[in-house]
Amino acid sequence: LSPGQLDVLAAMAEGRSNRGIAEALHVSEAAVEKHVTGLFRALGLQPEVGEHRRVRAVLLYLRAVGRH
């Protein structure tokens, strides 16, 4: 993942909305959406009925961070 995607993912793990992430990182909401789309693609997270990709992405992030 790119540094921008990692920043967005970390903010998602804090429970921030796209707007909250944009404000915290001083970027546009469109930039946040672009990073979110890119990280979903990079993590291989496809839209699935009954599942939230944001939650799945955060869980993957937390597992990776926990390994350090």
C-alpha atoms as a PDB file:
ATOM      1  CA  LEU A   1       0.000   0.000   0.000  1.00  0.00           C
ATOM      2  CA  SER A   2       1.095   3.551  -0.646  1.00  0.00           C
ATOM      3  CA  PRO A   3       1.851   5.907   2.247  1.00  0.00           C
ATOM      4  CA  GLY A   4      -1.378   7.787   1.512  1.00  0.00           C
ATOM      5  CA  GLN A   5      -3.410   4.578   1.543  1.00  0.00           C
ATOM      6  CA  LEU A   6      -1.815   3.569   4.847  1.00  0.00           C
ATOM      7  CA  ASP A   7      -2.659   6.964   6.362  1.00  0.00           C
ATOM      8  CA  VAL A   8      -6.266   6.607   5.224  1.00  0.00           C
ATOM      9  CA  LEU A   9      -6.455   3.035   6.496  1.00  0.00           C
ATOM     10  CA  ALA A  10      -5.075   4.071   9.899  1.00  0.00           C
ATOM     11  CA  ALA A  11      -7.709   6.815  10.096  1.00  0.00           C
ATOM     12  CA  MET A  12     -10.394   4.296   9.105  1.00  0.00           C
ATOM     13  CA  ALA A  13      -9.194   2.123  12.003  1.00  0.00           C
ATOM     14  CA  GLU A  14      -9.849   5.112  14.287  1.00  0.00           C
ATOM     15  CA  GLY A  15     -13.458   5.058  13.086  1.00  0.00           C
ATOM     16  CA  ARG A  16     -13.256   8.212  10.989  1.00  0.00           C
ATOM     17  CA  SER A  17     -15.600   8.863   8.076  1.00  0.00           C
ATOM     18  CA  ASN A  18     -14.258   9.946   4.699  1.00  0.00           C
ATOM     19  CA  ARG A  19     -14.960  13.541   5.679  1.00  0.00           C
ATOM     20  CA  GLY A  20     -13.209  13.084   9.016  1.00  0.00           C
ATOM     21  CA  ILE A  21     -10.228  11.490   7.289  1.00  0.00           C
ATOM     22  CA  ALA A  22     -10.049  14.345   4.785  1.00  0.00           C
ATOM     23  CA  GLU A  23     -10.062  16.921   7.575  1.00  0.00           C
ATOM     24  CA  ALA A  24      -7.458  15.052   9.631  1.00  0.00           C
ATOM     25  CA  LEU A  25      -5.106  14.552   6.677  1.00  0.00           C
ATOM     26  CA  HIS A  26      -5.767  17.978   5.109  1.00  0.00           C
ATOM     27  CA  VAL A  27      -6.824  16.498   1.774  1.00  0.00           C
ATOM     28  CA  SER A  28     -10.056  16.511  -0.215  1.00  0.00           C
ATOM     29  CA  GLU A  29     -12.775  13.942   0.268  1.00  0.00           C
ATOM     30  CA  ALA A  30     -12.188  12.943  -3.368  1.00  0.00           C
ATOM     31  CA  ALA A  31      -8.560  12.135  -2.514  1.00  0.00           C
ATOM     32  CA  VAL A  32      -9.725   9.999   0.407  1.00  0.00           C
ATOM     33  CA  GLU A  33     -12.199   8.145  -1.820  1.00  0.00           C
ATOM     34  CA  LYS A  34      -9.431   7.519  -4.358  1.00  0.00           C
ATOM     35  CA  HIS A  35      -7.182   6.079  -1.635  1.00  0.00           C
ATOM     36  CA  VAL A  36     -10.010   3.924  -0.238  1.00  0.00           C
ATOM     37  CA  THR A  37     -10.759   2.529  -3.697  1.00  0.00           C
ATOM     38  CA  GLY A  38      -7.064   1.849  -4.264  1.00  0.00           C
ATOM     39  CA  LEU A  39      -6.584   0.092  -0.965  1.00  0.00           C
ATOM     40  CA  PHE A  40      -9.645  -2.086  -1.538  1.00  0.00           C
ATOM     41  CA  ARG A  41      -8.144  -3.068  -4.876  1.00  0.00           C
ATOM     42  CA  ALA A  42      -4.671  -3.641  -3.383  1.00  0.00           C
ATOM     43  CA  LEU A  43      -6.114  -5.802  -0.597  1.00  0.00           C
ATOM     44  CA  GLY A  44      -8.310  -7.747  -3.021  1.00  0.00           C
ATOM     45  CA  LEU A  45     -11.501  -6.720  -1.245  1.00  0.00           C
ATOM     46  CA  GLN A  46     -14.413  -7.004  -3.654  1.00  0.00           C
ATOM     47  CA  PRO A  47     -17.923  -5.787  -2.799  1.00  0.00           C
ATOM     48  CA  GLU A  48     -19.866  -8.633  -1.220  1.00  0.00           C
ATOM     49  CA  VAL A  49     -23.432  -8.715   0.028  1.00  0.00           C
ATOM     50  CA  GLY A  50     -23.551  -8.794   3.811  1.00  0.00           C
ATOM     51  CA  GLU A  51     -19.956  -7.648   4.349  1.00  0.00           C
ATOM     52  CA  HIS A  52     -18.345  -4.255   4.853  1.00  0.00           C
ATOM     53  CA  ARG A  53     -15.087  -3.779   2.995  1.00  0.00           C
ATOM     54  CA  ARG A  54     -14.042  -0.949   5.325  1.00  0.00           C
ATOM     55  CA  VAL A  55     -14.311  -3.240   8.321  1.00  0.00           C
ATOM     56  CA  ARG A  56     -12.473  -6.036   6.525  1.00  0.00           C
ATOM     57  CA  ALA A  57      -9.706  -3.633   5.494  1.00  0.00           C
ATOM     58  CA  VAL A  58      -9.337  -2.367   9.063  1.00  0.00           C
ATOM     59  CA  LEU A  59      -9.153  -5.921  10.400  1.00  0.00           C
ATOM     60  CA  LEU A  60      -6.374  -6.727   7.927  1.00  0.00           C
ATOM     61  CA  TYR A  61      -4.582  -3.543   8.989  1.00  0.00           C
ATOM     62  CA  LEU A  62      -4.879  -4.343  12.694  1.00  0.00           C
ATOM     63  CA  ARG A  63      -3.566  -7.870  12.145  1.00  0.00           C
ATOM     64  CA  ALA A  64      -0.578  -6.508  10.227  1.00  0.00           C
ATOM     65  CA  VAL A  65       0.185  -3.853  12.844  1.00  0.00           C
ATOM     66  CA  GLY A  66      -0.117  -6.419  15.621  1.00  0.00           C
ATOM     67  CA  ARG A  67       2.705  -8.456  14.081  1.00  0.00           C
ATOM     68  CA  HIS A  68       5.318  -5.753  14.681  1.00  0.00           C
END
